[in-house]
Amino acid sequence: MAMKVYGLPLSTNVARVLMCLEEVGANYKVVPINFLMGEHKSIEHIARNPFGQVPAFQDGDLVLFESRTISKYVLRKNNSKLLKEDNLSDLAKVDMWLEVESHKFDRPMSVIIYECLIIPNYLDGETDVKVVEENVEMLKKTFDVYEARLSKFKYLAGDFISLADLSHFPTAYNLMETPHASLLDEYPHVKAWITDILARPTAKKVAEMMKATA
């Protein structure tokens, strides 16, 4: 039976899960949730995700929400090496950098994406330049740390790719669509790392799914 992912690939949180499903070659189905029609607040969807957000995920009788938790489940179920669970030290590093991604990268990037892409393209509004600038400065601080780390290792947790890296993919992809993509020119190791992630066949496939639902 195919696993089900509720939400549109356009959502970075949905795309994060899709990336992991593609990495392990899982059998899955995307079930669209129409935000404009309010389907995310329907009784049916609230039963899957009580916060009325996406993604929600179903594998048989198991229902999950929160994209990083779903991603870990998918990788564990398929015995993926992307969590490095066979090595306690490496696992701890993966978990640590995954936390960094969630709090130090995804948070400012979510604001930048909303202001630069969502508001002007979908809500007919104007970008709040001051808010964007504030979050770009936050992102620079994160990139300072990443640049130092990636000058010593190929990937964040070490010289092996992991979920900590792949979890950045959807938001990094959207960064390249904003006026602030040139920011990466100041961080050559970060730019090379993001280029490497975006070049993965799985990333390219999910990127096409994101474009198709934009």
Protein backbone atom coordinates (compact mmCIF):
# COMPACT_ATOMS: atom_id res chain seq x y z
CA MET A 1 0.00 0.00 0.00
CA ALA A 2 1.31 3.41 -0.95
CA MET A 3 2.13 5.89 1.77
CA LYS A 4 0.19 9.16 1.51
CA VAL A 5 1.54 12.68 1.82
CA TYR A 6 -1.16 15.32 2.29
CA GLY A 7 -0.27 18.74 0.91
CA LEU A 8 1.18 20.35 -2.21
CA PRO A 9 4.85 19.90 -3.19
CA LEU A 10 5.03 23.71 -3.39
CA SER A 11 5.17 23.68 0.43
CA THR A 12 8.77 23.41 1.60
CA ASN A 13 7.67 21.15 4.45
CA VAL A 14 5.90 18.80 2.04
CA ALA A 15 8.89 18.89 -0.32
CA ARG A 16 11.20 17.90 2.55
CA VAL A 17 9.22 14.69 3.03
CA LEU A 18 9.05 14.03 -0.71
CA MET A 19 12.83 14.34 -0.93
CA CYS A 20 13.25 11.57 1.64
CA LEU A 21 10.65 9.36 -0.03
CA GLU A 22 12.48 9.75 -3.33
CA GLU A 23 15.86 9.05 -1.70
CA VAL A 24 14.66 5.63 -0.53
CA GLY A 25 12.55 4.86 -3.60
CA ALA A 26 9.37 4.54 -1.57
CA ASN A 27 5.92 3.90 -2.97
CA TYR A 28 3.87 6.98 -2.14
CA LYS A 29 1.01 9.18 -3.29
CA VAL A 30 0.62 12.94 -2.91
CA VAL A 31 -2.88 13.98 -1.84
CA PRO A 32 -3.34 17.69 -2.62
CA ILE A 33 -4.71 19.99 0.07
CA ASN A 34 -6.22 23.20 -1.32
CA PHE A 35 -5.49 26.08 1.06
CA LEU A 36 -7.55 28.55 -1.00
CA MET A 37 -10.59 26.32 -0.52
CA GLY A 38 -9.83 25.94 3.19
CA GLU A 39 -9.23 22.21 2.98
CA HIS A 40 -6.41 22.49 5.54
CA LYS A 41 -9.03 23.48 8.13
CA SER A 42 -11.50 20.74 7.22
CA ILE A 43 -12.55 18.18 9.82
CA GLU A 44 -10.87 15.45 7.77
CA HIS A 45 -7.52 17.20 7.63
CA ILE A 46 -7.58 18.39 11.25
CA ALA A 47 -7.91 14.71 12.18
CA ARG A 48 -4.60 14.13 10.37
CA ASN A 49 -2.85 17.32 11.47
CA PRO A 50 -4.50 19.05 14.46
CA PHE A 51 -2.70 22.31 13.64
CA GLY A 52 -4.35 22.52 10.24
CA GLN A 53 -1.02 22.58 8.42
CA VAL A 54 0.83 20.44 5.90
CA PRO A 55 2.16 17.93 5.56
CA ALA A 56 0.19 15.16 7.10
CA PHE A 57 1.36 11.63 6.42
CA GLN A 58 -0.27 8.22 6.47
CA ASP A 59 1.28 4.79 6.32
CA GLY A 60 -1.42 2.22 6.92
CA ASP A 61 -2.92 2.99 10.34
CA LEU A 62 -0.07 5.31 11.29
CA VAL A 63 -0.74 9.04 10.87
CA LEU A 64 2.01 11.61 11.46
CA PHE A 65 2.59 15.33 11.11
CA GLU A 66 5.73 17.54 11.33
CA SER A 67 7.97 17.16 8.30
CA ARG A 68 11.24 16.32 10.03
CA THR A 69 9.58 13.61 12.12
CA ILE A 70 7.98 12.15 9.00
CA SER A 71 11.30 12.31 7.19
CA LYS A 72 13.03 10.37 9.97
CA TYR A 73 10.27 7.76 9.94
CA VAL A 74 10.58 7.28 6.18
CA LEU A 75 14.36 6.91 6.38
CA ARG A 76 14.23 4.51 9.33
CA LYS A 77 11.55 2.35 7.75
CA ASN A 78 13.73 1.93 4.69
CA ASN A 79 17.00 1.42 6.59
CA SER A 80 18.54 4.52 5.04
CA LYS A 81 22.06 5.56 5.97
CA LEU A 82 21.04 9.23 5.89
CA LEU A 83 20.52 9.26 9.67
CA LYS A 84 23.82 7.48 10.47
CA GLU A 85 22.12 5.50 13.23
CA ASP A 86 24.84 2.86 13.14
CA ASN A 87 27.26 5.35 14.71
CA LEU A 88 26.22 7.18 17.87
CA SER A 89 28.65 10.06 17.35
CA ASP A 90 27.61 10.63 13.74
CA LEU A 91 23.94 10.33 14.69
CA ALA A 92 24.36 13.02 17.33
CA LYS A 93 25.96 15.34 14.77
CA VAL A 94 23.13 14.73 12.29
CA ASP A 95 20.56 15.52 14.97
CA MET A 96 22.46 18.63 16.04
CA TRP A 97 22.69 20.10 12.53
CA LEU A 98 19.08 19.17 11.84
CA GLU A 99 18.14 21.30 14.83
CA VAL A 100 20.30 24.11 13.47
CA GLU A 101 18.51 23.84 10.11
CA SER A 102 15.13 24.08 11.80
CA HIS A 103 15.91 27.05 14.04
CA LYS A 104 18.72 29.02 12.37
CA PHE A 105 18.12 28.46 8.65
CA ASP A 106 14.48 27.61 8.07
CA ARG A 107 13.05 30.35 10.31
CA PRO A 108 14.63 33.38 8.60
CA MET A 109 14.27 31.75 5.20
CA SER A 110 10.55 31.15 5.74
CA VAL A 111 10.07 34.89 6.28
CA ILE A 112 12.20 35.76 3.24
CA ILE A 113 10.26 33.32 1.05
CA TYR A 114 6.92 34.61 2.31
CA GLU A 115 7.84 38.25 1.76
CA CYS A 116 9.68 37.84 -1.55
CA LEU A 117 7.68 35.08 -3.24
CA ILE A 118 4.33 34.43 -1.58
CA ILE A 119 3.09 37.98 -0.93
CA PRO A 120 3.84 39.47 -4.38
CA ASN A 121 3.01 36.36 -6.43
CA TYR A 122 -0.02 34.94 -4.63
CA LEU A 123 -1.46 37.62 -2.34
CA ASP A 124 -1.11 40.70 -4.58
CA GLY A 125 0.75 42.48 -1.80
CA GLU A 126 4.03 44.31 -1.44
CA THR A 127 7.18 42.93 0.12
CA ASP A 128 8.13 44.44 3.47
CA VAL A 129 11.73 45.32 2.67
CA LYS A 130 12.65 46.04 6.30
CA VAL A 131 11.43 42.64 7.46
CA VAL A 132 13.34 40.95 4.66
CA GLU A 133 16.54 42.82 5.50
CA GLU A 134 16.26 41.83 9.16
CA ASN A 135 15.93 38.17 8.25
CA VAL A 136 18.70 38.34 5.66
CA GLU A 137 20.99 39.55 8.45
CA MET A 138 19.92 36.57 10.56
CA LEU A 139 20.58 34.27 7.61
CA LYS A 140 24.06 35.76 7.16
CA LYS A 141 24.93 34.85 10.75
CA THR A 142 23.90 31.28 10.03
CA PHE A 143 25.88 31.23 6.81
CA ASP A 144 28.94 32.49 8.70
CA VAL A 145 28.77 29.37 10.84
CA TYR A 146 28.04 27.12 7.86
CA GLU A 147 30.95 28.56 5.88
CA ALA A 148 33.37 27.81 8.70
CA ARG A 149 31.99 24.29 9.09
CA LEU A 150 31.93 23.51 5.38
CA SER A 151 35.51 24.74 4.96
CA LYS A 152 36.49 21.71 7.06
CA PHE A 153 33.91 19.10 6.02
CA LYS A 154 32.04 18.37 2.79
CA TYR A 155 28.70 18.23 4.60
CA LEU A 156 27.36 19.65 7.84
CA ALA A 157 27.61 16.55 10.01
CA GLY A 158 30.91 15.45 8.48
CA ASP A 159 32.24 14.05 5.23
CA PHE A 160 28.99 12.18 4.59
CA ILE A 161 25.65 13.44 3.36
CA SER A 162 22.75 13.13 5.76
CA LEU A 163 19.23 14.29 6.49
CA ALA A 164 20.79 17.39 8.06
CA ASP A 165 21.88 18.44 4.57
CA LEU A 166 18.88 17.23 2.59
CA SER A 167 16.46 18.96 4.96
CA HIS A 168 17.80 22.27 3.64
CA PHE A 169 16.86 21.45 0.05
CA PRO A 170 13.34 22.89 -0.33
CA THR A 171 14.14 26.20 1.33
CA ALA A 172 17.51 26.52 -0.40
CA TYR A 173 15.76 25.88 -3.71
CA ASN A 174 13.40 28.77 -2.98
CA LEU A 175 16.29 31.00 -1.95
CA MET A 176 17.57 30.69 -5.51
CA GLU A 177 14.24 32.08 -6.74
CA THR A 178 14.45 35.24 -4.61
CA PRO A 179 16.44 38.44 -5.24
CA HIS A 180 18.82 37.30 -2.50
CA ALA A 181 20.32 34.30 -4.30
CA SER A 182 23.45 36.38 -4.89
CA LEU A 183 24.04 36.31 -1.13
CA LEU A 184 25.67 32.92 -1.65
CA ASP A 185 28.49 34.54 -3.60
CA GLU A 186 29.82 35.75 -0.23
CA TYR A 187 29.98 32.16 1.03
CA PRO A 188 31.77 29.93 -1.53
CA HIS A 189 31.67 26.76 0.58
CA VAL A 190 27.98 27.21 1.34
CA LYS A 191 27.27 27.87 -2.34
CA ALA A 192 29.13 24.71 -3.39
CA TRP A 193 27.29 22.69 -0.76
CA ILE A 194 23.86 23.95 -1.85
CA THR A 195 24.76 23.39 -5.51
CA ASP A 196 25.70 19.82 -4.64
CA ILE A 197 22.38 19.18 -2.90
CA LEU A 198 20.31 20.76 -5.66
CA ALA A 199 22.12 18.63 -8.25
CA ARG A 200 20.94 15.34 -6.75
CA PRO A 201 18.49 13.50 -9.04
CA THR A 202 15.99 13.31 -6.20
CA ALA A 203 16.21 17.06 -5.63
CA LYS A 204 15.69 17.73 -9.33
CA LYS A 205 12.61 15.51 -9.38
CA VAL A 206 11.05 17.16 -6.34
CA ALA A 207 11.95 20.61 -7.71
CA GLU A 208 9.91 19.79 -10.82
CA MET A 209 7.00 18.78 -8.59
CA MET A 210 7.33 22.09 -6.74
CA LYS A 211 7.29 24.02 -10.02
CA ALA A 212 4.24 22.12 -11.25
CA THR A 213 2.22 23.18 -8.20
CA ALA A 214 3.49 26.76 -8.02
